[in-house]
């Protein structure tokens, strides 16, 4: 009788493993990132995704962003990948290790102010640098800020982890209660 709970746990673990592996391989190429922009005058948040199997063979590999959504705080205007001045060749994603030494991905994204189309304000994100500048007045003051990135975990990975932990807890609880009954 002691073998049955262990066999059930092993069978459930193997089944869950293969379910999670299949789910990951189906979406293995799409990578999702969140990013935050901070500058003295404005802040904003966004998300982007790309297919990591499409990186170029250049010295600094790049891939074209598949989906991008960005919004400044307090503004209802949403900027997408199509707002890049050089769309559809841009925005790009490139691999970097910044100052941490850990490989991460960053954006190369240049877009104009859609909230006030009459002005000549442009925004540029390159890696960890955010710049606000006038595209018509070269002597205008440039405002700089920073960009931080965070990988967004895949939903299937989170769901698989939650199911595995719940299953393990349930089986452990049943095994403990079975031992108490026998004593």
Protein backbone atom coordinates (compact mmCIF):
# COMPACT_ATOMS: atom_id res chain seq x y z
CA UNK A 1 0.00 0.00 0.00
CA UNK A 2 2.94 2.39 0.52
CA UNK A 3 3.84 2.02 -3.13
CA UNK A 4 0.48 3.24 -4.53
CA UNK A 5 0.79 6.92 -3.46
CA UNK A 6 4.34 7.04 -4.78
CA UNK A 7 3.28 5.56 -8.12
CA UNK A 8 0.41 8.04 -8.38
CA UNK A 9 2.78 10.93 -7.68
CA UNK A 10 5.28 9.68 -10.27
CA UNK A 11 2.58 9.18 -12.92
CA UNK A 12 1.08 12.60 -12.27
CA UNK A 13 4.50 14.25 -12.40
CA UNK A 14 5.41 12.60 -15.71
CA UNK A 15 2.03 13.51 -17.23
CA UNK A 16 2.34 17.10 -16.07
CA UNK A 17 5.92 17.32 -17.35
CA UNK A 18 4.95 16.21 -20.86
CA UNK A 19 1.94 18.55 -20.88
CA UNK A 20 4.13 21.51 -19.91
CA UNK A 21 6.91 20.60 -22.36
CA UNK A 22 4.42 20.36 -25.26
CA UNK A 23 2.87 23.71 -24.34
CA UNK A 24 6.25 25.44 -24.18
CA UNK A 25 7.46 24.05 -27.50
CA UNK A 26 4.35 25.34 -29.26
CA UNK A 27 5.19 28.91 -28.23
CA UNK A 28 8.97 28.60 -27.91
CA UNK A 29 9.74 31.31 -30.49
CA UNK A 30 7.59 34.13 -29.04
CA UNK A 31 9.21 36.10 -26.22
CA UNK A 32 7.32 38.75 -24.22
CA UNK A 33 8.84 41.69 -22.35
CA UNK A 34 7.47 44.56 -20.29
CA UNK A 35 9.31 47.86 -20.17
CA UNK A 36 9.13 51.04 -18.13
CA UNK A 37 10.26 54.52 -19.19
CA UNK A 38 11.34 57.09 -16.60
CA UNK A 39 12.42 60.66 -17.37
CA UNK A 40 12.28 63.96 -15.46
CA UNK A 41 9.17 65.01 -17.41
CA UNK A 42 7.25 61.82 -18.13
CA UNK A 43 6.89 58.12 -17.35
CA UNK A 44 5.27 55.26 -19.21
CA UNK A 45 4.80 51.50 -19.46
CA UNK A 46 4.63 49.09 -22.34
CA UNK A 47 4.91 45.55 -23.62
CA UNK A 48 6.52 44.05 -26.70
CA UNK A 49 6.92 40.59 -28.18
CA UNK A 50 9.14 39.11 -30.85
CA UNK A 51 10.03 35.78 -32.40
CA UNK A 52 13.51 34.85 -31.16
CA UNK A 53 14.01 32.48 -34.10
CA UNK A 54 14.11 35.49 -36.49
CA UNK A 55 17.33 37.08 -35.14
CA UNK A 56 19.70 38.22 -37.88
CA UNK A 57 23.22 36.83 -38.36
CA UNK A 58 24.89 40.22 -37.81
CA UNK A 59 27.53 41.01 -35.17
CA UNK A 60 24.72 42.43 -33.01
CA UNK A 61 21.72 40.21 -33.83
CA UNK A 62 18.37 41.99 -34.22
CA UNK A 63 14.78 40.88 -34.73
CA UNK A 64 11.73 42.89 -35.78
CA UNK A 65 9.15 43.48 -33.05
CA UNK A 66 5.93 41.56 -33.75
CA UNK A 67 3.73 43.43 -31.29
CA UNK A 68 4.28 46.56 -29.21
CA UNK A 69 2.02 48.64 -26.98
CA UNK A 70 3.20 51.69 -25.03
CA UNK A 71 1.38 54.39 -23.08
CA UNK A 72 2.60 57.43 -21.14
CA UNK A 73 1.09 57.83 -17.67
CA UNK A 74 -1.82 60.26 -17.65
CA UNK A 75 -2.24 60.02 -21.43
CA UNK A 76 -4.79 57.86 -23.21
CA UNK A 77 -2.74 57.65 -26.43
CA UNK A 78 -1.41 54.17 -27.14
CA UNK A 79 1.69 53.81 -29.30
CA UNK A 80 2.22 50.60 -31.28
CA UNK A 81 4.92 49.11 -33.50
CA UNK A 82 3.26 50.84 -36.50
CA UNK A 83 4.04 54.26 -34.96
CA UNK A 84 7.78 53.76 -35.46
CA UNK A 85 9.02 56.29 -38.02
CA UNK A 86 10.75 53.52 -40.00
CA UNK A 87 7.94 50.92 -39.82
CA UNK A 88 7.88 48.04 -41.01
CA UNK A 89 11.70 47.64 -40.77
CA UNK A 90 11.53 48.94 -37.18
CA UNK A 91 11.11 48.76 -34.19
CA UNK A 92 13.87 46.27 -33.51
CA UNK A 93 14.85 44.10 -30.59
CA UNK A 94 18.49 43.40 -29.85
CA UNK A 95 20.34 41.29 -27.33
CA UNK A 96 22.32 43.08 -24.65
CA UNK A 97 23.87 42.45 -21.27
CA UNK A 98 23.71 46.08 -20.05
CA UNK A 99 25.74 46.56 -16.89
CA UNK A 100 24.48 43.45 -15.08
CA UNK A 101 26.25 40.90 -17.25
CA UNK A 102 22.99 38.96 -17.74
CA UNK A 103 21.64 38.68 -21.27
CA UNK A 104 18.44 40.59 -21.85
CA UNK A 105 16.61 42.12 -24.79
CA UNK A 106 16.09 45.80 -25.52
CA UNK A 107 14.25 48.01 -28.00
CA UNK A 108 15.24 50.35 -30.80
CA UNK A 109 12.04 52.40 -31.23
CA UNK A 110 11.61 55.94 -32.64
CA UNK A 111 8.16 57.54 -32.68
CA UNK A 112 6.50 60.97 -32.91
CA UNK A 113 4.08 62.49 -30.40
CA UNK A 114 0.58 61.39 -31.49
CA UNK A 115 -1.19 63.26 -28.67
CA UNK A 116 -0.08 66.65 -30.13
CA UNK A 117 0.62 66.06 -33.84
CA UNK A 118 1.18 69.79 -34.49
CA UNK A 119 4.36 69.86 -32.39
CA UNK A 120 7.63 68.35 -33.55
CA UNK A 121 8.37 66.25 -30.46
CA UNK A 122 9.85 62.80 -31.04
CA UNK A 123 10.65 59.99 -28.61
CA UNK A 124 13.44 57.45 -28.94
CA UNK A 125 14.12 54.29 -26.99
CA UNK A 126 17.48 52.63 -27.60
CA UNK A 127 18.38 49.99 -25.02
CA UNK A 128 18.28 51.56 -21.58
CA UNK A 129 18.17 55.14 -22.92
CA UNK A 130 15.01 57.21 -23.46
CA UNK A 131 15.24 60.57 -25.25
CA UNK A 132 12.71 63.32 -25.95
CA UNK A 133 13.76 65.80 -28.65
CA UNK A 134 12.48 68.15 -31.33
CA UNK A 135 12.75 66.67 -34.79
CA UNK A 136 12.67 70.12 -36.47
CA UNK A 137 14.82 72.22 -34.14
CA UNK A 138 18.36 70.79 -33.74
CA UNK A 139 19.26 73.33 -31.04
CA UNK A 140 16.34 72.36 -28.80
CA UNK A 141 16.89 70.96 -25.33
CA UNK A 142 17.08 67.18 -25.19
CA UNK A 143 15.49 65.39 -22.25
CA UNK A 144 16.97 62.04 -21.28
CA UNK A 145 15.62 59.20 -19.21
CA UNK A 146 16.02 55.50 -18.61
CA UNK A 147 14.27 52.33 -19.74
CA UNK A 148 14.08 49.13 -17.70
CA UNK A 149 12.99 45.73 -19.01
CA UNK A 150 11.47 42.64 -17.44
CA UNK A 151 10.68 39.33 -19.13
CA UNK A 152 7.03 38.32 -18.86
CA UNK A 153 6.65 34.61 -17.99
CA UNK A 154 4.56 32.45 -20.28
CA UNK A 155 1.08 31.72 -18.91
CA UNK A 156 1.43 27.98 -19.55
CA UNK A 157 4.59 27.84 -17.40
CA UNK A 158 2.83 29.58 -14.52
CA UNK A 159 -0.23 27.35 -14.85
CA UNK A 160 1.91 24.19 -14.99
CA UNK A 161 3.83 25.22 -11.88
CA UNK A 162 0.61 25.98 -9.99
CA UNK A 163 -0.93 22.63 -10.97
CA UNK A 164 2.23 20.69 -10.04
CA UNK A 165 2.46 22.37 -6.63
CA UNK A 166 -1.25 21.83 -5.94
CA UNK A 167 -1.04 18.19 -6.97
CA UNK A 168 2.05 17.60 -4.87
CA UNK A 169 0.46 19.26 -1.83
CA UNK A 170 -2.74 17.20 -2.22
CA UNK A 171 -0.86 13.90 -2.53
CA UNK A 172 1.41 14.76 0.38
CA UNK A 173 -1.64 15.60 2.50
CA UNK A 174 -3.34 12.31 1.57
CA UNK A 175 -0.17 10.33 2.29
CA UNK A 176 0.16 11.99 5.71
CA UNK A 177 -3.48 11.32 6.57
CA UNK A 178 -3.13 7.67 5.46
CA UNK A 179 -0.11 7.26 7.77
CA UNK A 180 -2.08 8.71 10.70
CA UNK A 181 -4.97 6.30 10.08
CA UNK A 182 -2.62 3.26 10.09
CA UNK A 183 -0.98 4.29 13.37
